Amino acid sequence: MWPAIWIVWTLAFAIAEGIALANRRENDTLSENFRRLFHTRTSKAGRAVFAVGWLGFSGWFAIHILTETM
């Protein structure tokens, strides 16, 4: 059951992001929303928070997948 849910979720995201990329409207892609949420264009603190969060998540996820722990 869970693999099917993850596949459906991934396909839904891919379709939504594909539509957002194709229509070229402002503030509808995931990247644009993250930039707006963290104020990466105007705030050094926002950039730092995003960078620490992204690197922390990426590091944790890599360890999680490779060692099958956490």
Protein backbone atom coordinates (compact mmCIF):
# COMPACT_ATOMS: atom_id res chain seq x y z
CA MET A 1 0.00 0.00 0.00
CA TRP A 2 2.67 2.58 1.01
CA PRO A 3 4.70 2.26 -2.20
CA ALA A 4 1.56 3.07 -4.19
CA ILE A 5 0.87 6.13 -2.01
CA TRP A 6 4.44 7.43 -2.51
CA ILE A 7 4.19 6.85 -6.27
CA VAL A 8 0.87 8.71 -6.47
CA TRP A 9 2.26 11.57 -4.34
CA THR A 10 5.36 11.82 -6.55
CA LEU A 11 3.29 11.81 -9.74
CA ALA A 12 0.92 14.45 -8.34
CA PHE A 13 3.88 16.67 -7.44
CA ALA A 14 5.51 16.14 -10.86
CA ILE A 15 2.27 17.03 -12.65
CA ALA A 16 1.66 20.14 -10.52
CA GLU A 17 5.25 21.33 -10.91
CA GLY A 18 5.18 20.57 -14.64
CA ILE A 19 2.04 22.67 -15.08
CA ALA A 20 3.60 25.48 -13.01
CA LEU A 21 6.75 25.41 -15.14
CA ALA A 22 4.79 25.34 -18.40
CA ASN A 23 2.45 28.25 -17.62
CA ARG A 24 5.29 30.55 -16.52
CA ARG A 25 3.16 32.38 -13.95
CA GLU A 26 4.89 33.97 -10.98
CA ASN A 27 5.04 32.27 -7.58
CA ASP A 28 3.59 28.90 -8.49
CA THR A 29 6.65 26.62 -8.57
CA LEU A 30 8.11 24.97 -5.50
CA SER A 31 11.36 26.93 -5.92
CA GLU A 32 9.59 30.28 -6.12
CA ASN A 33 7.57 29.48 -3.00
CA PHE A 34 10.67 28.47 -1.05
CA ARG A 35 12.42 31.68 -2.11
CA ARG A 36 9.43 33.70 -0.95
CA LEU A 37 9.02 31.73 2.30
CA PHE A 38 12.67 32.13 3.30
CA HIS A 39 13.15 35.61 1.73
CA THR A 40 16.31 34.34 0.02
CA ARG A 41 16.48 37.32 -2.34
CA THR A 42 16.38 39.96 0.39
CA SER A 43 17.52 38.40 3.66
CA LYS A 44 20.90 36.98 4.57
CA ALA A 45 19.26 35.39 7.62
CA GLY A 46 16.65 33.77 5.37
CA ARG A 47 19.39 32.40 3.13
CA ALA A 48 21.26 31.06 6.16
CA VAL A 49 18.15 29.40 7.63
CA PHE A 50 17.34 27.79 4.30
CA ALA A 51 20.94 26.63 3.75
CA VAL A 52 21.25 25.12 7.24
CA GLY A 53 17.88 23.43 6.93
CA TRP A 54 18.58 22.07 3.45
CA LEU A 55 22.07 20.82 4.31
CA GLY A 56 20.83 19.33 7.58
CA PHE A 57 17.99 17.50 5.87
CA SER A 58 20.21 16.32 3.01
CA GLY A 59 22.84 15.02 5.41
CA TRP A 60 20.28 13.26 7.58
CA PHE A 61 18.52 11.72 4.57
CA ALA A 62 21.78 10.43 3.07
CA ILE A 63 22.76 8.80 6.38
CA HIS A 64 19.22 7.46 6.83
CA ILE A 65 19.20 5.80 3.39
CA LEU A 66 22.76 4.51 3.40
CA THR A 67 22.86 3.12 6.94
CA GLU A 68 19.16 2.20 7.29
CA THR A 69 19.02 3.93 10.67
CA MET A 70 17.22 6.86 12.32
